[in-house]
Each structure stands twice: as structure tokens, then as C-alpha cells.
Amino acid sequence: MTHEPGEQYAGPAEIVGDTSVEVTVNLRGGFQPIDGRFHWYGRVAGHERLASGDRVTIRTEHGDAEGRLSDVDPWGRLRIAGTGRPPF
């Protein structure tokens, strides 16, 4: 399967930290000219093994990247953010 570079991804992913968890994610990002880096962010479906503040690796079928989990929204989803090459 070929993949065109994009600025968003929605679908399955694996979150690897202290444990490995299969989740659904919604990610997007863009190049920020102020610091010259690509910033990506999004939401991860909630899972009891994931916690705010965790540093994790997120893997999709298109690649992987290091990110950090943070605040939980009212639907139980965790925010994830990172800089550099995104996992999509």
C-alpha cells in the first residue's frame, strides 16, 4: 500500500510505553515556520493502561514517532503530541 504524505491520519495505531496497546487515533499536524519543525498532535482512544504524562512511541502502518500523552477530554480520550517526523 502506498501512502501520500499528509497532514492528518485517523485509524488504528499501537501505543508502546511500559506496555503495548492497540488503539484508534485521530492525528494531524503541520510545519511551524517559527521553530522550523513539524508539530503533530491528536487524540488517542482511552485505555486503562494509558495515563497522562506518559512518554510513548506511537506506531501506525506508515511509521512511528515519539510522543507524550497529556490531558483527558470529557470522552476519555488522551491528547498526544510530538515534534519531528510524524507517525503518519
Protein backbone atom coordinates (compact mmCIF):
# COMPACT_ATOMS: atom_id res chain seq x y z
CA MET A 1 0.00 0.00 0.00
CA THR A 2 1.41 3.41 -0.93
CA HIS A 3 0.92 6.40 1.27
CA GLU A 4 0.91 10.01 0.20
CA PRO A 5 2.41 12.34 2.81
CA GLY A 6 -0.34 14.22 4.57
CA GLU A 7 -1.14 16.41 7.46
CA GLN A 8 -3.64 14.09 9.15
CA TYR A 9 -4.37 10.46 9.96
CA ALA A 10 -7.34 8.69 11.53
CA GLY A 11 -7.28 4.98 12.19
CA PRO A 12 -5.64 2.18 14.13
CA ALA A 13 -2.35 2.61 15.97
CA GLU A 14 -0.21 0.90 18.57
CA ILE A 15 0.95 2.81 21.64
CA VAL A 16 4.14 1.41 23.14
CA GLY A 17 5.32 2.53 26.58
CA ASP A 18 5.52 0.34 29.64
CA THR A 19 3.08 -1.88 27.76
CA SER A 20 1.76 -2.18 24.21
CA VAL A 21 -1.84 -1.15 23.50
CA GLU A 22 -3.88 -1.18 20.26
CA VAL A 23 -5.99 1.99 19.97
CA THR A 24 -7.75 4.25 17.49
CA VAL A 25 -6.25 7.68 16.91
CA ASN A 26 -7.04 10.97 15.19
CA LEU A 27 -3.84 12.86 14.38
CA ARG A 28 -2.93 16.00 12.45
CA GLY A 29 -0.03 18.35 12.21
CA GLY A 30 1.85 20.93 10.25
CA PHE A 31 5.15 22.63 9.73
CA GLN A 32 5.74 25.57 12.09
CA PRO A 33 7.99 28.18 10.48
CA ILE A 34 8.84 29.84 13.81
CA ASP A 35 10.92 26.88 15.00
CA GLY A 36 11.33 25.10 11.65
CA ARG A 37 9.84 21.82 12.87
CA PHE A 38 6.80 19.69 12.11
CA HIS A 39 4.45 19.59 15.10
CA TRP A 40 1.87 16.80 15.25
CA TYR A 41 -0.90 16.21 17.78
CA GLY A 42 -4.22 14.49 18.25
CA ARG A 43 -6.37 12.24 20.40
CA VAL A 44 -5.95 8.61 21.42
CA ALA A 45 -8.94 6.47 22.38
CA GLY A 46 -8.88 5.97 26.14
CA HIS A 47 -7.43 2.79 27.57
CA GLU A 48 -6.91 1.79 31.21
CA ARG A 49 -3.19 1.13 30.60
CA LEU A 50 -2.52 4.67 29.32
CA ALA A 51 -2.03 7.69 31.56
CA SER A 52 -1.49 11.40 31.16
CA GLY A 53 2.20 12.26 31.30
CA ASP A 54 3.41 9.01 29.72
CA ARG A 55 6.14 9.26 27.07
CA VAL A 56 5.30 6.71 24.41
CA THR A 57 6.04 5.52 20.90
CA ILE A 58 3.06 5.60 18.56
CA ARG A 59 3.07 3.28 15.56
CA THR A 60 0.79 3.32 12.53
CA GLU A 61 1.09 1.42 9.27
CA HIS A 62 3.00 4.45 7.93
CA GLY A 63 5.68 4.85 10.61
CA ASP A 64 6.37 5.53 14.24
CA ALA A 65 7.25 8.54 16.39
CA GLU A 66 7.90 9.52 19.98
CA GLY A 67 5.14 11.47 21.70
CA ARG A 68 3.75 12.45 25.07
CA LEU A 69 0.26 11.74 26.40
CA SER A 70 -1.48 14.55 28.26
CA ASP A 71 -4.94 15.83 29.26
CA VAL A 72 -8.01 13.63 29.08
CA ASP A 73 -11.10 15.06 27.37
CA PRO A 74 -14.71 14.50 28.55
CA TRP A 75 -14.95 11.40 26.31
CA GLY A 76 -11.94 9.73 27.95
CA ARG A 77 -9.53 10.33 25.06
CA LEU A 78 -5.94 11.33 25.79
CA ARG A 79 -4.14 14.08 23.91
CA ILE A 80 -0.86 13.08 22.27
CA ALA A 81 1.72 15.44 20.78
CA GLY A 82 5.18 15.32 19.31
CA THR A 83 7.60 17.13 17.04
CA GLY A 84 9.61 15.93 14.08
CA ARG A 85 8.65 13.16 11.70
CA PRO A 86 5.04 12.15 12.46
CA PRO A 87 3.75 8.57 12.60
CA PHE A 88 1.57 9.15 9.51
